[in-house]
Protein backbone atom coordinates (compact mmCIF):
# COMPACT_ATOMS: atom_id res chain seq x y z
CA UNK A 1 8.63 -14.86 -49.53
CA UNK A 2 11.43 -12.52 -48.38
CA UNK A 3 9.13 -10.08 -49.06
CA UNK A 4 6.56 -11.31 -46.98
CA UNK A 5 9.01 -11.49 -44.12
CA UNK A 6 10.41 -8.03 -44.44
CA UNK A 7 6.73 -6.71 -44.12
CA UNK A 8 6.37 -9.19 -41.07
CA UNK A 9 8.88 -7.52 -39.53
CA UNK A 10 8.15 -4.17 -40.59
CA UNK A 11 4.42 -4.98 -38.99
CA UNK A 12 5.56 -6.53 -35.63
CA UNK A 13 8.05 -3.28 -35.12
CA UNK A 14 5.16 -1.18 -35.82
CA UNK A 15 2.99 -2.89 -33.33
CA UNK A 16 5.98 -2.97 -30.83
CA UNK A 17 6.57 0.31 -30.69
CA UNK A 18 3.17 0.99 -29.16
CA UNK A 19 4.59 1.01 -25.69
CA UNK A 20 1.97 0.35 -22.96
CA UNK A 21 3.97 2.24 -20.27
CA UNK A 22 3.99 5.03 -22.20
CA UNK A 23 0.60 5.73 -23.75
CA UNK A 24 -1.29 4.70 -20.67
CA UNK A 25 1.01 7.53 -18.58
CA UNK A 26 0.86 10.20 -21.15
CA UNK A 27 -2.89 10.02 -22.29
CA UNK A 28 -4.56 9.13 -19.23
CA UNK A 29 -1.90 10.53 -16.12
CA UNK A 30 -0.17 13.28 -18.15
CA UNK A 31 3.21 11.65 -17.27
CA UNK A 32 6.04 10.58 -18.82
CA UNK A 33 6.89 7.23 -17.11
CA UNK A 34 10.71 7.55 -18.37
CA UNK A 35 10.83 10.95 -16.14
CA UNK A 36 9.87 8.99 -12.86
CA UNK A 37 10.82 6.09 -10.36
CA UNK A 38 13.67 4.00 -12.41
CA UNK A 39 13.37 5.64 -15.70
CA UNK A 40 11.71 2.49 -17.44
CA UNK A 41 9.14 2.25 -19.62
CA UNK A 42 7.82 -0.84 -18.49
CA UNK A 43 5.49 -2.79 -16.27
CA UNK A 44 6.95 -2.63 -13.07
CA UNK A 45 7.54 1.30 -13.02
CA UNK A 46 4.25 1.88 -13.92
CA UNK A 47 3.09 -0.38 -11.08
CA UNK A 48 5.15 1.83 -8.36
CA UNK A 49 4.25 5.15 -9.99
CA UNK A 50 1.10 5.47 -11.34
CA UNK A 51 -0.61 2.26 -9.44
CA UNK A 52 -2.05 -1.39 -10.13
CA UNK A 53 -5.01 0.22 -12.53
CA UNK A 54 -2.46 1.46 -15.25
CA UNK A 55 0.02 -1.49 -14.37
CA UNK A 56 -3.10 -3.92 -15.48
CA UNK A 57 -4.03 -1.83 -19.07
CA UNK A 58 0.04 -2.01 -19.65
CA UNK A 59 0.21 -5.80 -19.61
CA UNK A 60 -2.89 -5.76 -21.95
CA UNK A 61 -1.42 -3.33 -24.12
CA UNK A 62 1.93 -5.21 -24.52
CA UNK A 63 0.15 -8.17 -24.27
CA UNK A 64 -1.70 -7.93 -27.23
CA UNK A 65 0.52 -6.41 -29.04
CA UNK A 66 3.11 -9.22 -29.38
CA UNK A 67 0.09 -11.90 -29.88
CA UNK A 68 -0.84 -9.40 -32.81
CA UNK A 69 2.26 -9.16 -34.33
CA UNK A 70 3.23 -13.02 -34.59
CA UNK A 71 -0.51 -13.54 -35.82
CA UNK A 72 0.11 -11.31 -38.34
CA UNK A 73 3.52 -12.48 -39.20
CA UNK A 74 2.33 -16.15 -39.19
CA UNK A 75 -0.33 -15.50 -41.54
CA UNK A 76 1.89 -13.76 -43.78
CA UNK A 77 4.33 -16.02 -44.45
CA UNK A 78 2.71 -19.23 -43.09
CA UNK A 79 4.86 -22.42 -42.30
CA UNK A 80 7.84 -23.19 -44.44
CA UNK A 81 9.83 -26.19 -44.53
CA UNK A 82 12.89 -26.12 -42.29
CA UNK A 83 12.47 -23.03 -40.73
CA UNK A 84 8.83 -23.00 -39.26
CA UNK A 85 6.63 -20.24 -39.02
CA UNK A 86 9.73 -18.04 -39.53
CA UNK A 87 7.38 -14.72 -40.19
CA UNK A 88 5.84 -15.11 -36.92
CA UNK A 89 9.39 -15.45 -35.39
CA UNK A 90 10.71 -12.62 -36.97
CA UNK A 91 7.40 -10.56 -36.30
CA UNK A 92 7.89 -11.54 -32.72
CA UNK A 93 11.30 -10.53 -32.46
CA UNK A 94 10.66 -7.27 -34.06
CA UNK A 95 7.82 -6.52 -31.77
CA UNK A 96 10.38 -6.59 -29.02
CA UNK A 97 13.08 -4.60 -30.49
CA UNK A 98 10.12 -1.91 -31.03
CA UNK A 99 8.79 -2.23 -27.44
CA UNK A 100 12.42 -1.22 -26.66
CA UNK A 101 13.69 1.40 -29.23
CA UNK A 102 9.54 2.63 -29.88
CA UNK A 103 9.91 4.73 -33.19
CA UNK A 104 7.00 6.68 -31.90
CA UNK A 105 8.19 7.59 -28.43
CA UNK A 106 12.23 9.00 -29.53
CA UNK A 107 13.30 5.35 -29.53
CA UNK A 108 13.20 5.25 -26.00
CA UNK A 109 10.94 2.28 -24.50
CA UNK A 110 11.29 -0.43 -22.34
CA UNK A 111 13.49 -3.50 -21.30
CA UNK A 112 11.04 -5.96 -23.13
CA UNK A 113 10.23 -8.63 -20.77
CA UNK A 114 7.03 -9.00 -21.03
CA UNK A 115 6.60 -8.86 -24.87
CA UNK A 116 9.47 -11.43 -24.76
CA UNK A 117 7.02 -13.69 -22.72
CA UNK A 118 4.06 -12.91 -24.71
CA UNK A 119 5.92 -13.50 -28.25
CA UNK A 120 7.29 -17.12 -26.53
CA UNK A 121 4.06 -18.07 -24.73
CA UNK A 122 2.37 -17.65 -28.30
CA UNK A 123 4.97 -19.42 -30.12
CA UNK A 124 6.00 -22.35 -27.50
CA UNK A 125 4.04 -22.32 -24.24
CA UNK A 126 5.14 -24.85 -22.64
CA UNK A 127 8.73 -23.58 -22.12
CA UNK A 128 7.79 -19.74 -21.48
CA UNK A 129 5.40 -21.19 -18.45
CA UNK A 130 8.57 -22.24 -17.09
CA UNK A 131 10.36 -19.65 -17.39
CA UNK A 132 7.52 -17.48 -16.00
CA UNK A 133 7.32 -20.33 -12.93
CA UNK A 134 10.82 -19.50 -12.62
CA UNK A 135 10.60 -15.81 -12.78
CA UNK A 136 8.11 -16.16 -9.82
CA UNK A 137 9.98 -18.14 -7.60
CA UNK A 138 13.21 -15.84 -7.82
CA UNK A 139 10.83 -12.76 -7.29
CA UNK A 140 9.01 -14.22 -4.09
CA UNK A 141 12.07 -14.90 -2.53
CA UNK A 142 13.89 -11.93 -3.74
CA UNK A 143 11.47 -9.24 -4.52
CA UNK A 144 13.72 -8.34 -7.11
CA UNK A 145 12.01 -8.17 -10.28
CA UNK A 146 15.02 -7.49 -12.75
CA UNK A 147 16.65 -10.44 -10.92
CA UNK A 148 13.74 -12.43 -11.92
CA UNK A 149 13.82 -11.58 -15.22
CA UNK A 150 17.31 -12.10 -16.02
CA UNK A 151 17.32 -15.49 -14.20
CA UNK A 152 14.12 -16.69 -16.24
CA UNK A 153 15.72 -15.45 -19.74
CA UNK A 154 18.81 -17.03 -19.01
CA UNK A 155 17.12 -20.45 -18.47
CA UNK A 156 15.32 -20.27 -22.02
CA UNK A 157 18.07 -21.46 -24.42
CA UNK A 158 18.58 -24.61 -21.53
CA UNK A 159 14.89 -25.46 -21.81
CA UNK A 160 14.30 -24.96 -25.59
CA UNK A 161 17.12 -27.27 -26.27
CA UNK A 162 15.18 -30.09 -23.57
CA UNK A 163 12.23 -29.36 -25.61
CA UNK A 164 13.78 -29.79 -28.73
CA UNK A 165 12.54 -26.28 -30.24
CA UNK A 166 13.04 -25.73 -34.07
CA UNK A 167 16.52 -24.21 -34.24
CA UNK A 168 15.35 -20.63 -35.90
CA UNK A 169 13.51 -20.73 -32.60
CA UNK A 170 16.32 -21.60 -30.50
CA UNK A 171 18.39 -18.58 -32.43
CA UNK A 172 15.55 -16.36 -31.93
CA UNK A 173 15.49 -16.98 -28.11
CA UNK A 174 18.66 -16.70 -27.43
CA UNK A 175 18.93 -13.15 -29.36
CA UNK A 176 16.08 -11.98 -27.18
CA UNK A 177 17.56 -13.18 -23.81
CA UNK A 178 20.84 -11.27 -25.05
CA UNK A 179 18.07 -8.49 -25.52
CA UNK A 180 17.02 -8.53 -22.06
CA UNK A 181 20.33 -9.22 -20.40
CA UNK A 182 21.85 -5.85 -22.34
CA UNK A 183 18.87 -3.98 -21.58
CA UNK A 184 19.10 -4.77 -17.81
CA UNK A 185 22.66 -3.76 -17.29
CA UNK A 186 22.01 -0.92 -15.02
CA UNK A 187 20.08 -3.00 -13.10
CA UNK A 188 22.82 -5.87 -12.81
CA UNK A 189 25.10 -2.76 -11.73
CA UNK A 190 22.57 -1.99 -8.95
CA UNK A 191 22.21 -5.70 -7.72
CA UNK A 192 25.48 -6.12 -7.25
CA UNK A 193 26.14 -3.06 -5.28
CA UNK A 194 22.32 -3.97 -3.69
CA UNK A 195 21.04 -0.37 -4.19
CA UNK A 196 18.48 -2.15 -6.69
CA UNK A 197 15.16 -1.64 -5.47
CA UNK A 198 13.05 -4.43 -4.38
CA UNK A 199 9.37 -5.02 -5.09
CA UNK A 200 7.43 -4.15 -2.37
CA UNK A 201 4.05 -6.60 -2.27
CA UNK A 202 2.36 -4.72 0.77
CA UNK A 203 2.14 -1.64 -1.66
CA UNK A 204 1.15 -3.50 -4.66
CA UNK A 205 -1.30 -6.42 -3.83
């Protein structure tokens, strides 16, 4: 069992390291997205720098890698009494870590918001969709994508308790929330200083 869990983690991390923003930027636009805009290898920065088509491609890649990691982890380990689909959980977490610190791109990746959402959506759809709703509301009213991500993530532990999710999944979620907040530390400073860039709906719709 432990060997299969370890294998799930490795596979999840490698899939997570396939950062969509960096792949699309370098292959099709000859740009390292980390050297432009906010410097983040994520969907929002891709949208601002490379446009809607590139951002859509990034979304597809980052969603697929999260799902594939979870599927493989679930198939390898299966459902273990008390712990649930722990292989799936660990593979999903590893995919997020891989996205943030990708081995294929000098360990400099994104912030893991979309990959985290994908993993949680696959594992626990309704709580994840509630968090998505919170994200959309915050961004719609403030136009701060970073604030929407942070607030939606912060609500996950409460929502997971309300839906009585397995304790292993709750702990996993809390760890992922911590990763999102840590990766947004610079955004938090800019939000406090009111220097954070807002999402322009006119440019992106």
